[in-house]
Amino acid sequence: MSLPQFNDIKGLSNTEISDAILKTEKELFNLKFKKATRQPFKSHEIKFAKRQLAQLKTILTMRLDALEQSDNNGVANLIQKQNLTGSF
């Protein structure tokens, strides 16, 4: 099992990222459950799942922050335009 590259994750849509986050969280839970119940599992898969989860959440957070920033800039520009036109 190889980790997907960060650039591959960046190409996914927000809904695909959200689905991958849910899938990875479930996989991580199952791996931790196997560890707790002493069932056979590959210990490196926990590290991979944690890393993939962090990458997915990072990309999603970056996109949401950029979207929020652009929304705030749009509102600020609209207010500024209204102030300029209202002064005449």
C-alpha atoms as a PDB file:
ATOM      1  CA  MET A   1       0.000   0.000   0.000  1.00  0.00           C
ATOM      2  CA  SER A   2       1.607   3.201  -1.102  1.00  0.00           C
ATOM      3  CA  LEU A   3       0.497   6.621  -0.034  1.00  0.00           C
ATOM      4  CA  PRO A   4      -1.059   8.877  -2.648  1.00  0.00           C
ATOM      5  CA  GLN A   5       1.044  11.880  -3.472  1.00  0.00           C
ATOM      6  CA  PHE A   6      -0.040  15.265  -2.154  1.00  0.00           C
ATOM      7  CA  ASN A   7      -0.456  16.558  -5.714  1.00  0.00           C
ATOM      8  CA  ASP A   8      -2.844  13.672  -6.469  1.00  0.00           C
ATOM      9  CA  ILE A   9      -4.986  14.642  -3.495  1.00  0.00           C
ATOM     10  CA  LYS A  10      -5.052  18.280  -4.627  1.00  0.00           C
ATOM     11  CA  GLY A  11      -6.717  17.165  -7.852  1.00  0.00           C
ATOM     12  CA  LEU A  12      -9.752  15.751  -6.033  1.00  0.00           C
ATOM     13  CA  SER A  13     -12.980  17.689  -5.620  1.00  0.00           C
ATOM     14  CA  ASN A  14     -14.204  18.758  -2.183  1.00  0.00           C
ATOM     15  CA  THR A  15     -16.837  16.014  -2.075  1.00  0.00           C
ATOM     16  CA  GLU A  16     -14.273  13.385  -3.052  1.00  0.00           C
ATOM     17  CA  ILE A  17     -11.982  14.662  -0.299  1.00  0.00           C
ATOM     18  CA  SER A  18     -14.816  14.510   2.230  1.00  0.00           C
ATOM     19  CA  ASP A  19     -15.610  10.943   1.193  1.00  0.00           C
ATOM     20  CA  ALA A  20     -11.930  10.002   1.441  1.00  0.00           C
ATOM     21  CA  ILE A  21     -11.751  11.558   4.930  1.00  0.00           C
ATOM     22  CA  LEU A  22     -14.683   9.448   6.105  1.00  0.00           C
ATOM     23  CA  LYS A  23     -13.199   6.317   4.536  1.00  0.00           C
ATOM     24  CA  THR A  24      -9.782   6.952   6.086  1.00  0.00           C
ATOM     25  CA  GLU A  25     -11.255   7.664   9.535  1.00  0.00           C
ATOM     26  CA  LYS A  26     -13.176   4.384   9.376  1.00  0.00           C
ATOM     27  CA  GLU A  27     -10.043   2.529   8.261  1.00  0.00           C
ATOM     28  CA  LEU A  28      -8.036   4.103  11.102  1.00  0.00           C
ATOM     29  CA  PHE A  29     -10.723   3.122  13.620  1.00  0.00           C
ATOM     30  CA  ASN A  30     -10.679  -0.472  12.365  1.00  0.00           C
ATOM     31  CA  LEU A  31      -6.890  -0.621  12.567  1.00  0.00           C
ATOM     32  CA  LYS A  32      -6.901   0.736  16.124  1.00  0.00           C
ATOM     33  CA  PHE A  33      -9.633  -1.743  17.039  1.00  0.00           C
ATOM     34  CA  LYS A  34      -7.562  -4.610  15.625  1.00  0.00           C
ATOM     35  CA  LYS A  35      -4.586  -3.417  17.653  1.00  0.00           C
ATOM     36  CA  ALA A  36      -6.634  -3.191  20.861  1.00  0.00           C
ATOM     37  CA  THR A  37      -8.105  -6.665  20.395  1.00  0.00           C
ATOM     38  CA  ARG A  38      -4.721  -8.105  19.415  1.00  0.00           C
ATOM     39  CA  GLN A  39      -5.859  -9.208  15.994  1.00  0.00           C
ATOM     40  CA  PRO A  40      -3.226  -9.506  13.278  1.00  0.00           C
ATOM     41  CA  PHE A  41      -2.665  -6.288  11.324  1.00  0.00           C
ATOM     42  CA  LYS A  42       0.153  -4.389   9.699  1.00  0.00           C
ATOM     43  CA  SER A  43       1.290  -1.726  12.145  1.00  0.00           C
ATOM     44  CA  HIS A  44       2.619   0.608   9.457  1.00  0.00           C
ATOM     45  CA  GLU A  45      -0.899   0.992   8.071  1.00  0.00           C
ATOM     46  CA  ILE A  46      -1.851   3.073  11.140  1.00  0.00           C
ATOM     47  CA  LYS A  47       0.915   5.536  10.297  1.00  0.00           C
ATOM     48  CA  PHE A  48      -0.174   5.649   6.654  1.00  0.00           C
ATOM     49  CA  ALA A  49      -3.819   6.216   7.574  1.00  0.00           C
ATOM     50  CA  LYS A  50      -2.942   9.023   9.996  1.00  0.00           C
ATOM     51  CA  ARG A  51      -0.753  10.717   7.413  1.00  0.00           C
ATOM     52  CA  GLN A  52      -3.352  10.425   4.666  1.00  0.00           C
ATOM     53  CA  LEU A  53      -6.032  11.782   6.994  1.00  0.00           C
ATOM     54  CA  ALA A  54      -3.844  14.763   7.861  1.00  0.00           C
ATOM     55  CA  GLN A  55      -3.162  15.481   4.182  1.00  0.00           C
ATOM     56  CA  LEU A  56      -6.836  15.286   3.273  1.00  0.00           C
ATOM     57  CA  LYS A  57      -7.889  17.559   6.119  1.00  0.00           C
ATOM     58  CA  THR A  58      -5.116  20.025   5.285  1.00  0.00           C
ATOM     59  CA  ILE A  59      -6.231  20.331   1.650  1.00  0.00           C
ATOM     60  CA  LEU A  60      -9.875  20.713   2.629  1.00  0.00           C
ATOM     61  CA  THR A  61      -9.040  23.363   5.241  1.00  0.00           C
ATOM     62  CA  MET A  62      -6.870  25.282   2.786  1.00  0.00           C
ATOM     63  CA  ARG A  63      -9.676  25.300   0.221  1.00  0.00           C
ATOM     64  CA  LEU A  64     -12.290  26.391   2.736  1.00  0.00           C
ATOM     65  CA  ASP A  65     -10.021  29.170   4.034  1.00  0.00           C
ATOM     66  CA  ALA A  66      -9.396  30.380   0.485  1.00  0.00           C
ATOM     67  CA  LEU A  67     -13.130  30.328  -0.217  1.00  0.00           C
ATOM     68  CA  GLU A  68     -13.871  32.223   2.985  1.00  0.00           C
ATOM     69  CA  GLN A  69     -11.164  34.762   2.180  1.00  0.00           C
ATOM     70  CA  SER A  70     -12.555  35.331  -1.309  1.00  0.00           C
ATOM     71  CA  ASP A  71     -16.050  35.751   0.140  1.00  0.00           C
ATOM     72  CA  ASN A  72     -14.751  38.307   2.642  1.00  0.00           C
ATOM     73  CA  ASN A  73     -12.914  40.165  -0.118  1.00  0.00           C
ATOM     74  CA  GLY A  74     -16.085  40.211  -2.202  1.00  0.00           C
ATOM     75  CA  VAL A  75     -18.096  41.629   0.679  1.00  0.00           C
ATOM     76  CA  ALA A  76     -15.409  44.220   1.423  1.00  0.00           C
ATOM     77  CA  ASN A  77     -15.324  45.273  -2.227  1.00  0.00           C
ATOM     78  CA  LEU A  78     -19.106  45.542  -2.312  1.00  0.00           C
ATOM     79  CA  ILE A  79     -19.126  47.716   0.818  1.00  0.00           C
ATOM     80  CA  GLN A  80     -16.367  49.885  -0.600  1.00  0.00           C
ATOM     81  CA  LYS A  81     -18.287  50.325  -3.881  1.00  0.00           C
ATOM     82  CA  GLN A  82     -21.432  51.257  -1.979  1.00  0.00           C
ATOM     83  CA  ASN A  83     -19.495  53.813   0.077  1.00  0.00           C
ATOM     84  CA  LEU A  84     -18.000  55.336  -3.068  1.00  0.00           C
ATOM     85  CA  THR A  85     -21.310  55.583  -4.900  1.00  0.00           C
ATOM     86  CA  GLY A  86     -23.178  56.740  -1.798  1.00  0.00           C
ATOM     87  CA  SER A  87     -20.887  59.751  -1.280  1.00  0.00           C
ATOM     88  CA  PHE A  88     -21.865  61.399  -4.585  1.00  0.00           C
END
